[in-house]
């Protein structure tokens, strides 16, 4: 009897275990991924790659945080392009290789939490002034190889004016000058790698030293920097700011002239950079100094002449009178020698 009580249990226990799941309400099933996309691990990360979409998917999970659409044919981002379903938690939006050429006003409406937008590798032709107005928290904008189809500096300047960007990427856009109009106040990182920059002029460096851009870090790798006399202002700036302004200053190399190709910029001295086809910088400096000295001597000489103009005038008058007396003496002697009556007779 005791053995049966030790080995057995209540007969109703298995029924209780079987009926327990029915007493617990089922958890809400996560939203399904769009048919043309797939979710990575959770619905919070959605990727739509090379599905040739012509518009953003409309059945996106409401809880999505990161959305990637790549290799499609979106062409035009219309007003509220992602507002078919509220995406209040979307923070990162990647739209690479999507053949986007136009971004209309309020295209990002309905994305209040968006912080990073990647539009790289799109042939942008038109960007409306209010293109990014629907994303007030946008802090990172990536436009790598997106400005090759048309000059968009003025349009982008209007579109970025009310944003608080912290990072702007413009790599691979064949830029030949610093796009100063695209630098909003408070910008902290600017990526200009793989462009066509040969130098930064003094005026461009002054714009970087503006109070609202004092914390800006600049990336300039893979640019064809020309290490001639035109690079001196930038080299001076870089030497003074390399610790906190040049993000990749130690890796910058000369692309020309041939004698300096591959040389690290920070190993050069500004005064050692020569102009193309000109004299070495040291000799040019000597010529400049010599010219300044001669100019100062000339100025001092003219000042002395001006201050002593009366004495000099008197001295010139006396000198003229002395010369006149001397010439009259010579003339008198000539007349005396030429007079036959005064000619001497031969001695007896």
Protein backbone atom coordinates (compact mmCIF):
# COMPACT_ATOMS: atom_id res chain seq x y z
CA UNK A 1 0.00 0.00 0.00
CA UNK A 2 2.80 2.34 0.91
CA UNK A 3 4.67 1.41 -2.27
CA UNK A 4 1.66 2.41 -4.48
CA UNK A 5 1.42 5.82 -2.79
CA UNK A 6 5.15 6.48 -3.32
CA UNK A 7 5.24 5.49 -7.00
CA UNK A 8 1.88 6.85 -8.15
CA UNK A 9 0.29 10.31 -8.24
CA UNK A 10 -3.08 11.93 -8.67
CA UNK A 11 -4.79 10.69 -11.79
CA UNK A 12 -6.04 14.21 -12.73
CA UNK A 13 -2.49 15.73 -13.00
CA UNK A 14 -1.89 14.83 -16.71
CA UNK A 15 -5.26 16.34 -17.61
CA UNK A 16 -4.31 19.56 -15.83
CA UNK A 17 -1.03 19.85 -17.79
CA UNK A 18 -2.85 19.25 -21.08
CA UNK A 19 -5.53 21.86 -20.42
CA UNK A 20 -3.17 24.57 -19.07
CA UNK A 21 -2.22 26.09 -22.52
CA UNK A 22 -5.89 26.58 -23.25
CA UNK A 23 -6.26 28.77 -20.18
CA UNK A 24 -3.44 31.15 -21.31
CA UNK A 25 -4.39 33.57 -24.13
CA UNK A 26 -2.13 33.23 -27.21
CA UNK A 27 0.50 35.95 -27.78
CA UNK A 28 -0.04 38.27 -30.67
CA UNK A 29 1.70 36.95 -33.75
CA UNK A 30 4.36 39.22 -35.14
CA UNK A 31 3.52 41.11 -38.28
CA UNK A 32 4.52 39.25 -41.40
CA UNK A 33 7.28 40.49 -43.67
CA UNK A 34 6.35 41.97 -47.04
CA UNK A 35 6.17 39.42 -49.81
CA UNK A 36 9.13 40.96 -51.65
CA UNK A 37 11.30 41.24 -48.54
CA UNK A 38 12.53 39.17 -45.66
CA UNK A 39 13.02 39.84 -41.98
CA UNK A 40 16.33 39.08 -40.34
CA UNK A 41 15.71 37.38 -37.00
CA UNK A 42 12.90 39.77 -36.05
CA UNK A 43 10.45 42.04 -37.86
CA UNK A 44 12.50 45.00 -36.62
CA UNK A 45 15.08 44.43 -39.39
CA UNK A 46 13.62 44.25 -42.91
CA UNK A 47 15.62 43.88 -46.13
CA UNK A 48 14.28 44.09 -49.68
CA UNK A 49 17.13 43.37 -52.07
CA UNK A 50 17.02 43.31 -55.86
CA UNK A 51 13.28 42.78 -56.10
CA UNK A 52 12.81 45.56 -58.70
CA UNK A 53 10.26 47.37 -56.57
CA UNK A 54 8.79 50.54 -58.09
CA UNK A 55 7.52 51.89 -54.78
CA UNK A 56 8.24 51.17 -51.11
CA UNK A 57 6.39 48.12 -49.73
CA UNK A 58 3.09 48.99 -48.07
CA UNK A 59 2.79 46.02 -45.70
CA UNK A 60 5.88 46.74 -43.60
CA UNK A 61 5.82 45.70 -39.92
CA UNK A 62 4.93 48.66 -37.71
CA UNK A 63 7.80 47.84 -35.33
CA UNK A 64 10.53 47.93 -37.98
CA UNK A 65 13.70 49.76 -36.86
CA UNK A 66 16.02 49.19 -39.83
CA UNK A 67 14.76 49.05 -43.42
CA UNK A 68 16.94 48.32 -46.44
CA UNK A 69 15.69 48.55 -50.03
CA UNK A 70 18.48 47.91 -52.53
CA UNK A 71 18.63 47.23 -56.25
CA UNK A 72 15.08 48.36 -57.00
CA UNK A 73 13.62 50.95 -59.36
CA UNK A 74 11.97 53.46 -57.04
CA UNK A 75 12.79 56.38 -59.38
CA UNK A 76 10.73 59.00 -57.53
CA UNK A 77 10.21 59.30 -53.79
CA UNK A 78 6.80 60.91 -53.71
CA UNK A 79 5.22 62.76 -50.81
CA UNK A 80 4.79 60.49 -47.77
CA UNK A 81 6.32 57.59 -49.69
CA UNK A 82 6.60 55.50 -46.50
CA UNK A 83 3.40 56.62 -44.77
CA UNK A 84 1.09 53.85 -46.01
CA UNK A 85 1.51 52.36 -42.54
CA UNK A 86 2.89 54.38 -39.60
CA UNK A 87 6.56 53.55 -39.00
CA UNK A 88 7.11 55.48 -35.81
CA UNK A 89 10.12 53.40 -34.74
CA UNK A 90 12.08 53.42 -38.01
CA UNK A 91 15.55 54.79 -37.27
CA UNK A 92 17.67 53.66 -40.22
CA UNK A 93 16.59 53.73 -43.88
CA UNK A 94 18.93 52.47 -46.61
CA UNK A 95 17.93 53.12 -50.23
CA UNK A 96 21.04 52.13 -52.19
CA UNK A 97 21.16 51.37 -55.93
CA UNK A 98 17.45 52.13 -56.31
CA UNK A 99 17.68 54.40 -59.37
CA UNK A 100 16.19 57.30 -57.40
CA UNK A 101 16.44 60.53 -59.38
CA UNK A 102 13.78 62.72 -57.71
CA UNK A 103 12.88 63.37 -54.08
CA UNK A 104 9.68 65.38 -53.64
CA UNK A 105 8.60 67.58 -50.74
CA UNK A 106 7.81 65.70 -47.51
CA UNK A 107 8.94 62.39 -49.00
CA UNK A 108 9.90 61.19 -45.50
CA UNK A 109 6.64 62.20 -43.86
CA UNK A 110 5.58 59.64 -41.27
CA UNK A 111 9.12 58.77 -40.14
CA UNK A 112 9.45 60.86 -36.95
CA UNK A 113 12.22 58.71 -35.42
CA UNK A 114 14.44 58.44 -38.53
CA UNK A 115 18.06 59.27 -37.73
CA UNK A 116 20.08 57.77 -40.60
CA UNK A 117 19.23 58.01 -44.31
CA UNK A 118 21.41 56.35 -46.96
CA UNK A 119 20.79 57.46 -50.56
CA UNK A 120 24.16 56.36 -51.93
CA UNK A 121 24.59 55.14 -55.51
CA UNK A 122 21.50 56.85 -56.88
CA UNK A 123 21.53 59.23 -59.91
CA UNK A 124 19.90 62.16 -58.13
CA UNK A 125 18.64 64.90 -60.45
CA UNK A 126 16.19 66.84 -58.28
CA UNK A 127 15.85 67.30 -54.52
CA UNK A 128 12.97 69.45 -53.28
CA UNK A 129 13.57 72.07 -50.61
CA UNK A 130 11.35 70.15 -48.17
CA UNK A 131 12.52 66.68 -49.13
CA UNK A 132 13.75 65.83 -45.61
CA UNK A 133 11.26 67.92 -43.64
CA UNK A 134 9.33 64.85 -42.49
CA UNK A 135 12.33 63.54 -40.53
CA UNK A 136 13.15 66.18 -37.89
CA UNK A 137 15.61 63.92 -36.03
CA UNK A 138 17.72 63.09 -39.09
CA UNK A 139 21.38 63.33 -38.06
CA UNK A 140 23.26 61.21 -40.64
CA UNK A 141 22.88 61.62 -44.40
CA UNK A 142 24.83 59.42 -46.81
CA UNK A 143 25.08 60.65 -50.41
CA UNK A 144 28.08 58.68 -51.62
CA UNK A 145 28.20 58.55 -55.45
CA UNK A 146 24.80 60.24 -55.60
CA UNK A 147 25.77 63.67 -57.00
CA UNK A 148 27.35 62.58 -60.27
CA UNK A 149 24.33 63.01 -62.54
CA UNK A 150 23.71 66.74 -61.96
CA UNK A 151 25.02 69.69 -59.89
CA UNK A 152 22.75 69.69 -56.84
CA UNK A 153 24.64 71.87 -54.39
CA UNK A 154 22.07 74.67 -54.36
CA UNK A 155 19.10 72.30 -54.09
CA UNK A 156 20.69 70.29 -51.29
CA UNK A 157 21.64 73.46 -49.43
CA UNK A 158 17.95 74.40 -49.26
CA UNK A 159 16.93 70.88 -48.28
CA UNK A 160 19.47 70.71 -45.43
CA UNK A 161 19.02 74.18 -43.98
CA UNK A 162 16.55 73.18 -41.23
CA UNK A 163 18.23 69.89 -40.27
CA UNK A 164 20.60 69.25 -37.38
CA UNK A 165 22.98 66.97 -39.24
CA UNK A 166 25.92 65.52 -37.39
CA UNK A 167 27.43 63.41 -40.20
CA UNK A 168 27.40 64.02 -43.96
CA UNK A 169 28.95 61.58 -46.45
CA UNK A 170 29.81 62.83 -49.95
CA UNK A 171 32.41 60.28 -51.00
CA UNK A 172 32.93 59.40 -54.66
CA UNK A 173 31.17 62.42 -56.18
CA UNK A 174 34.08 63.84 -58.25
CA UNK A 175 33.99 67.06 -56.23
CA UNK A 176 36.75 69.51 -57.12
CA UNK A 177 36.09 71.98 -54.32
CA UNK A 178 34.76 71.98 -50.79
CA UNK A 179 30.92 72.17 -50.91
CA UNK A 180 30.74 74.92 -48.30
CA UNK A 181 27.02 75.50 -48.92
CA UNK A 182 26.27 71.94 -47.74
CA UNK A 183 27.82 72.35 -44.30
CA UNK A 184 25.01 73.07 -41.82
CA UNK A 185 25.92 74.54 -38.42
CA UNK A 186 26.84 71.90 -35.88
CA UNK A 187 28.11 69.35 -38.44
CA UNK A 188 30.63 67.04 -36.74
CA UNK A 189 31.80 64.67 -39.52
CA UNK A 190 32.27 65.29 -43.25
CA UNK A 191 33.36 62.46 -45.53
CA UNK A 192 34.95 63.70 -48.78
CA UNK A 193 36.99 60.62 -49.64
CA UNK A 194 37.51 59.45 -53.19
CA UNK A 195 36.71 62.77 -54.86
CA UNK A 196 38.78 64.97 -57.22
CA UNK A 197 40.14 67.44 -54.65
CA UNK A 198 43.69 68.61 -55.36
CA UNK A 199 43.81 71.06 -52.47
CA UNK A 200 41.69 73.20 -50.18
CA UNK A 201 42.05 76.92 -50.85
CA UNK A 202 42.48 79.52 -48.11
CA UNK A 203 38.84 80.68 -48.45
CA UNK A 204 37.60 77.11 -48.01
CA UNK A 205 39.74 76.67 -44.91
CA UNK A 206 38.30 79.87 -43.45
CA UNK A 207 34.80 78.44 -43.87
CA UNK A 208 35.90 75.33 -41.94
CA UNK A 209 37.18 77.55 -39.13
CA UNK A 210 33.82 79.27 -38.70
CA UNK A 211 32.59 79.12 -35.07
CA UNK A 212 29.64 76.86 -35.96
CA UNK A 213 32.00 74.27 -37.55
CA UNK A 214 34.85 74.30 -35.05
CA UNK A 215 34.17 70.66 -34.08
CA UNK A 216 34.05 69.33 -37.66
CA UNK A 217 36.25 66.31 -38.49
CA UNK A 218 37.22 65.96 -42.14
CA UNK A 219 38.02 62.76 -44.11
CA UNK A 220 39.94 63.33 -47.37
CA UNK A 221 41.50 59.97 -48.22
CA UNK A 222 41.88 58.84 -51.87
CA UNK A 223 41.88 62.38 -53.30
CA UNK A 224 44.53 63.36 -55.93
CA UNK A 225 46.28 65.92 -53.72
CA UNK A 226 48.80 68.03 -55.64
CA UNK A 227 51.76 68.80 -53.39
CA UNK A 228 52.79 72.14 -54.89
CA UNK A 229 52.79 75.68 -53.56
CA UNK A 230 48.98 75.82 -53.80
CA UNK A 231 48.76 73.20 -51.05
CA UNK A 232 50.67 75.29 -48.49
CA UNK A 233 47.60 76.83 -46.76
CA UNK A 234 45.98 73.41 -46.40
CA UNK A 235 49.20 71.82 -45.10
CA UNK A 236 49.58 74.58 -42.51
CA UNK A 237 45.94 74.08 -41.46
CA UNK A 238 46.35 70.31 -41.37
CA UNK A 239 49.47 70.46 -39.24
CA UNK A 240 47.69 72.64 -36.75
CA UNK A 241 44.45 70.67 -36.80
CA UNK A 242 45.59 67.09 -37.50
CA UNK A 243 45.01 66.04 -33.91
CA UNK A 244 41.28 66.79 -33.94
CA UNK A 245 40.15 68.06 -37.37
CA UNK A 246 41.75 65.74 -39.92
CA UNK A 247 40.18 62.33 -39.30
CA UNK A 248 42.60 60.60 -41.71
CA UNK A 249 45.39 63.19 -41.81
CA UNK A 250 48.16 60.65 -41.18
CA UNK A 251 47.13 58.55 -44.19
CA UNK A 252 46.99 61.38 -46.76
CA UNK A 253 49.49 61.02 -49.62
CA UNK A 254 50.64 63.21 -52.51
CA UNK A 255 49.38 62.29 -55.98
CA UNK A 256 51.81 64.68 -57.69
CA UNK A 257 54.25 65.94 -58.75
CA UNK A 258 56.11 62.77 -59.67
CA UNK A 259 58.99 63.48 -57.27
CA UNK A 260 56.58 63.55 -54.28
CA UNK A 261 54.05 60.93 -55.38
CA UNK A 262 53.15 58.71 -52.44
CA UNK A 263 54.79 60.96 -49.84
CA UNK A 264 52.86 61.46 -46.61
CA UNK A 265 51.57 65.03 -46.37
CA UNK A 266 52.49 65.46 -42.72
CA UNK A 267 56.15 64.74 -43.55
CA UNK A 268 56.36 67.80 -45.81
CA UNK A 269 57.20 71.35 -44.81
CA UNK A 270 55.00 74.09 -46.31
CA UNK A 271 58.04 76.16 -47.35
CA UNK A 272 59.46 73.16 -49.23
CA UNK A 273 56.52 72.94 -51.66
CA UNK A 274 57.44 74.38 -55.06
CA UNK A 275 55.14 75.83 -57.68
CA UNK A 276 54.81 73.91 -60.92
CA UNK A 277 57.61 74.99 -63.27
CA UNK A 278 58.90 77.55 -60.78
CA UNK A 279 61.79 77.95 -58.40
CA UNK A 280 62.01 76.04 -55.15
CA UNK A 281 60.02 77.58 -52.37
CA UNK A 282 63.10 78.56 -50.35
CA UNK A 283 64.51 80.54 -53.29
CA UNK A 284 61.15 82.17 -53.94
CA UNK A 285 61.04 83.26 -50.31
CA UNK A 286 64.53 84.74 -50.63
CA UNK A 287 63.48 86.72 -53.69
CA UNK A 288 60.43 88.03 -51.88
CA UNK A 289 62.49 89.06 -48.86
CA UNK A 290 65.09 90.76 -51.05
CA UNK A 291 62.37 92.65 -52.91
CA UNK A 292 60.84 93.82 -49.63
CA UNK A 293 64.24 95.08 -48.41
CA UNK A 294 64.82 97.01 -51.64
CA UNK A 295 61.36 98.53 -51.42
CA UNK A 296 62.02 99.69 -47.84
CA UNK A 297 65.34 101.24 -48.87
CA UNK A 298 63.61 103.05 -51.71
CA UNK A 299 60.91 104.37 -49.40
CA UNK A 300 63.51 105.62 -46.89
CA UNK A 301 65.49 107.32 -49.67
CA UNK A 302 62.40 109.08 -50.97
CA UNK A 303 61.49 110.22 -47.46
CA UNK A 304 64.97 111.70 -46.98
CA UNK A 305 64.70 113.52 -50.28
CA UNK A 306 61.30 114.90 -49.35
CA UNK A 307 62.34 116.11 -45.92
CA UNK A 308 65.47 117.82 -47.30
CA UNK A 309 63.95 119.21 -50.48
CA UNK A 310 64.83 122.84 -49.64
CA UNK A 311 68.46 122.09 -48.81
CA UNK A 312 68.73 119.93 -51.91
CA UNK A 313 67.29 122.74 -54.01
CA UNK A 314 69.80 125.20 -52.56
CA UNK A 315 72.65 122.75 -53.12
CA UNK A 316 71.60 122.24 -56.73
CA UNK A 317 71.43 126.02 -57.24
CA UNK A 318 74.94 126.49 -55.83
CA UNK A 319 76.23 123.60 -57.90
CA UNK A 320 74.75 125.15 -61.03
CA UNK A 321 76.32 128.55 -60.26
CA UNK A 322 79.69 126.90 -59.63
CA UNK A 323 79.49 125.06 -62.90
CA UNK A 324 78.53 128.26 -64.70
CA UNK A 325 81.53 130.14 -63.21
CA UNK A 326 83.81 127.31 -64.17
CA UNK A 327 82.49 127.25 -67.71
CA UNK A 328 82.87 131.03 -68.03
CA UNK A 329 86.50 130.70 -66.90
CA UNK A 330 87.12 128.06 -69.53
CA UNK A 331 85.47 130.23 -72.16
CA UNK A 332 87.59 133.30 -71.22
CA UNK A 333 90.80 131.31 -71.43
CA UNK A 334 89.78 129.95 -74.80
CA UNK A 335 89.21 133.46 -76.16
CA UNK A 336 92.53 134.66 -74.80
CA UNK A 337 94.38 131.76 -76.39
CA UNK A 338 92.61 132.27 -79.70
CA UNK A 339 93.43 136.07 -79.92
CA UNK A 340 96.49 136.51 -82.29
CA UNK A 341 97.40 139.78 -80.63
CA UNK A 342 97.99 137.98 -77.42
CA UNK A 343 99.96 135.23 -79.08
CA UNK A 344 103.51 135.09 -77.77
CA UNK A 345 106.49 136.20 -80.04
CA UNK A 346 109.55 133.98 -80.38
CA UNK A 347 112.27 134.76 -77.97
CA UNK A 348 115.23 136.86 -78.95
